[in-house]
Amino acid sequence: MSTGNLFSVYGRMTALPGRRDELIALLLQGFRAGGEGSGLIAYSINTAFDEPDTVWLTQLWTDKEAHDVVTRSEPVAAATRRVMPLLAQQPQGSYGHAVHAHGRVTEC
């Protein structure tokens, strides 16, 4: 895939003890709330073996503008509001540009 100026988001969220799966379900709702054609090319929600309450996120967007429009939309904002009470601490994240992207995304 030619990356050009693809916008990338990396994040880490730590759920309250025992609430990780609920957090993951809400994150999925949030990603899907943007709808088809939103500019979100791919996303990944990951867990770590040694941190049972931690969730790592990776997102690949067509550009920053698409990301900003979608994340400010009411359906995504509503999902985000439901995520915050599940967190043990503030989310951490970084933004950047994809240098290389390759692969195939399948529905899990």
Protein backbone atom coordinates (compact mmCIF):
# COMPACT_ATOMS: atom_id res chain seq x y z
CA MET A 1 0.00 0.00 0.00
CA SER A 2 1.33 3.40 -0.87
CA THR A 3 1.31 5.30 2.38
CA GLY A 4 1.70 8.90 1.23
CA ASN A 5 0.44 10.90 4.18
CA LEU A 6 -1.63 8.22 5.89
CA PHE A 7 -2.33 9.35 9.43
CA SER A 8 -1.68 6.91 12.24
CA VAL A 9 -2.81 6.81 15.85
CA TYR A 10 -1.30 4.64 18.58
CA GLY A 11 -2.83 4.38 21.99
CA ARG A 12 -2.75 2.60 25.29
CA MET A 13 -5.70 2.31 27.64
CA THR A 14 -5.76 0.65 31.03
CA ALA A 15 -9.14 -0.61 32.14
CA LEU A 16 -10.32 -0.84 35.69
CA PRO A 17 -9.55 -4.35 37.03
CA GLY A 18 -11.77 -6.92 35.35
CA ARG A 19 -13.32 -4.44 32.87
CA ARG A 20 -10.99 -5.00 29.89
CA ASP A 21 -13.46 -7.00 27.80
CA GLU A 22 -16.16 -4.37 28.35
CA LEU A 23 -13.67 -1.70 27.26
CA ILE A 24 -12.82 -3.66 24.12
CA ALA A 25 -16.52 -4.02 23.24
CA LEU A 26 -17.04 -0.26 23.57
CA LEU A 27 -13.93 0.48 21.51
CA LEU A 28 -15.29 -1.73 18.73
CA GLN A 29 -18.59 0.15 18.86
CA GLY A 30 -16.70 3.42 18.59
CA PHE A 31 -14.67 2.30 15.58
CA ARG A 32 -17.80 1.05 13.84
CA ALA A 33 -19.78 4.20 14.71
CA GLY A 34 -17.75 6.18 12.18
CA GLY A 35 -19.36 4.19 9.40
CA GLU A 36 -18.12 3.04 6.02
CA GLY A 37 -16.18 5.57 4.03
CA SER A 38 -15.12 7.44 7.17
CA GLY A 39 -11.44 7.43 6.25
CA LEU A 40 -10.52 4.75 8.79
CA ILE A 41 -8.57 2.24 6.73
CA ALA A 42 -7.65 -0.23 9.45
CA TYR A 43 -7.57 -0.60 13.20
CA SER A 44 -6.20 -3.10 15.64
CA ILE A 45 -7.14 -3.68 19.27
CA ASN A 46 -4.50 -5.65 21.12
CA THR A 47 -3.97 -7.09 24.59
CA ALA A 48 -0.72 -7.92 26.35
CA PHE A 49 -0.03 -11.21 28.10
CA ASP A 50 1.66 -9.50 31.05
CA GLU A 51 -0.81 -6.61 31.49
CA PRO A 52 -4.31 -8.12 31.69
CA ASP A 53 -6.13 -4.78 31.97
CA THR A 54 -4.18 -2.96 29.24
CA VAL A 55 -5.42 -2.47 25.68
CA TRP A 56 -3.22 -1.19 22.85
CA LEU A 57 -4.82 0.46 19.82
CA THR A 58 -3.49 1.16 16.35
CA GLN A 59 -5.44 3.10 13.74
CA LEU A 60 -4.62 3.94 10.14
CA TRP A 61 -6.52 6.81 8.52
CA THR A 62 -6.54 8.33 5.05
CA ASP A 63 -5.53 11.65 6.64
CA LYS A 64 -5.74 13.68 9.84
CA GLU A 65 -8.79 15.59 8.65
CA ALA A 66 -10.81 12.38 8.26
CA HIS A 67 -9.75 11.30 11.76
CA ASP A 68 -10.75 14.66 13.25
CA VAL A 69 -14.17 14.71 11.56
CA VAL A 70 -15.03 11.18 12.63
CA THR A 71 -13.79 11.44 16.21
CA ARG A 72 -15.77 14.65 16.70
CA SER A 73 -18.98 13.15 15.29
CA GLU A 74 -21.76 12.53 17.81
CA PRO A 75 -21.90 8.71 17.41
CA VAL A 76 -18.16 8.37 18.08
CA ALA A 77 -18.19 11.00 20.84
CA ALA A 78 -21.04 9.11 22.54
CA ALA A 79 -19.02 5.88 22.47
CA THR A 80 -15.99 7.72 23.84
CA ARG A 81 -18.02 9.08 26.75
CA ARG A 82 -18.96 5.50 27.71
CA VAL A 83 -15.30 4.39 27.54
CA MET A 84 -13.90 6.96 29.97
CA PRO A 85 -15.56 5.58 33.16
CA LEU A 86 -13.98 2.16 32.46
CA LEU A 87 -10.43 3.52 32.57
CA ALA A 88 -8.09 3.26 35.54
CA GLN A 89 -5.99 6.15 34.18
CA GLN A 90 -5.94 8.66 31.36
CA PRO A 91 -5.36 7.13 27.91
CA GLN A 92 -1.91 7.57 26.40
CA GLY A 93 -1.29 7.98 22.71
CA SER A 94 0.74 9.30 19.83
CA TYR A 95 0.03 10.51 16.32
CA GLY A 96 2.16 10.12 13.23
CA HIS A 97 2.38 9.17 9.58
CA ALA A 98 2.57 5.60 8.36
CA VAL A 99 5.93 4.87 6.78
CA HIS A 100 4.89 1.47 5.47
CA ALA A 101 1.60 -0.40 5.58
CA HIS A 102 1.01 -3.88 4.23
CA GLY A 103 -1.38 -6.66 4.90
CA ARG A 104 -4.93 -7.73 4.86
CA VAL A 105 -7.54 -6.85 7.42
CA THR A 106 -10.11 -9.47 8.25
CA GLU A 107 -13.12 -9.23 10.53
CA CYS A 108 -12.54 -11.02 13.82
